[in-house]
Structures are given as structure tokens and as C-alpha cells.
């Protein structure tokens, strides 16, 4: 398995719209494994293919306490939703930033597994939030897009500053 590179906001590749998965082959199964490993390595609970620069309608998640119940959703669609909830969200593509986002409280999602079999689930709470958050990635939307333009710009500047500091520290510790 391989640990994949996670794109970080404001990388323009995060805005690409993902395409339907049509081939349910060994290459897809390997991608699911790699994405799951990457999600766990980054201490995340969800990861969309778009975040690793693969623009297919695929996401993985694991909201279990012990992180031992990985789930895969391919070509997911929300077929029903109700209620509202505000949830404090973070994102592997927007590290260190959290904000309250309004989402549906209950959803019904229809998707395919890695063999191409269709399934449908009724979800609520954190599971519903996580699916909605990851599905947003598949249409090129991040949770920061729900913030005001001023707050989104502050997030962009904060992440740019973090990258500059990290680059400077790496340069200072470069051993030749």
C-alpha cells in the first residue's frame, strides 16, 4: 500500500469535479486501499479521491472510535435528506482550520462498493456530516467555501504562512 499526497487549499486541483467510476477492477481496489491508508496516516475520518488528485467519484471514511471500520462509497448520491445540524468541521486539505458548517441531519445515500454492487444507507449525525463533507470534495467544494469571503481569505493566508515557515525550517535542517 502507498501513502498518497494530500492536496492543500488553495490548490486549484481541489476545485475539479470528479467523474463517475466505471471500472471496478484491481486498480480501483488498490486505490481504495491506498486512500484508506492515507486517511489513517493523516489521522482523518474521511478522504475523497479529489483530495489526492484523483478525480473519480470515490470516498473512504471511518468514524469508528478505534478506526477499524473503513467504509467505501463509490459514485455516491444523496437521495433524501432532512433536518439540520451545525457541526464543527476540519479537513485534511485545510490543516489546522475548523469552522461550523450547516448540514442535513439525516440523509439517505446510494452508492456502490469496490465490486460495483449498489447499496443504500440511512445515516445521521457524524456519519451524515462526513459523507456530505466528502461528497462536496467530489464537486470541487471545500468546507471553507461555506465561510464568508473574509474568513476564507484569512484561512488562505494562515496556510500560506504555515507553508513558508515549514519550508524555511526544512531549508535550515537540510544536511548535505
Foldseek 3Di string as FASTA:
>chain_A
DAAADFAAPPPVLLQDAAAADDDLDPVLVVVLVNQLVNCVVLVHFKDAVSRRSHRAQKMWGHPDPVSPDIDIFGPKDWPDFAAKDWDWDDDPRLPPDTDTDIDTFWTKMWGAGSNRDIDIDIDGDPVRVRVVQRSCSNNSDHRLVRPDPVVSVVSRVVVVVVVVVVVVVCVVPDDD
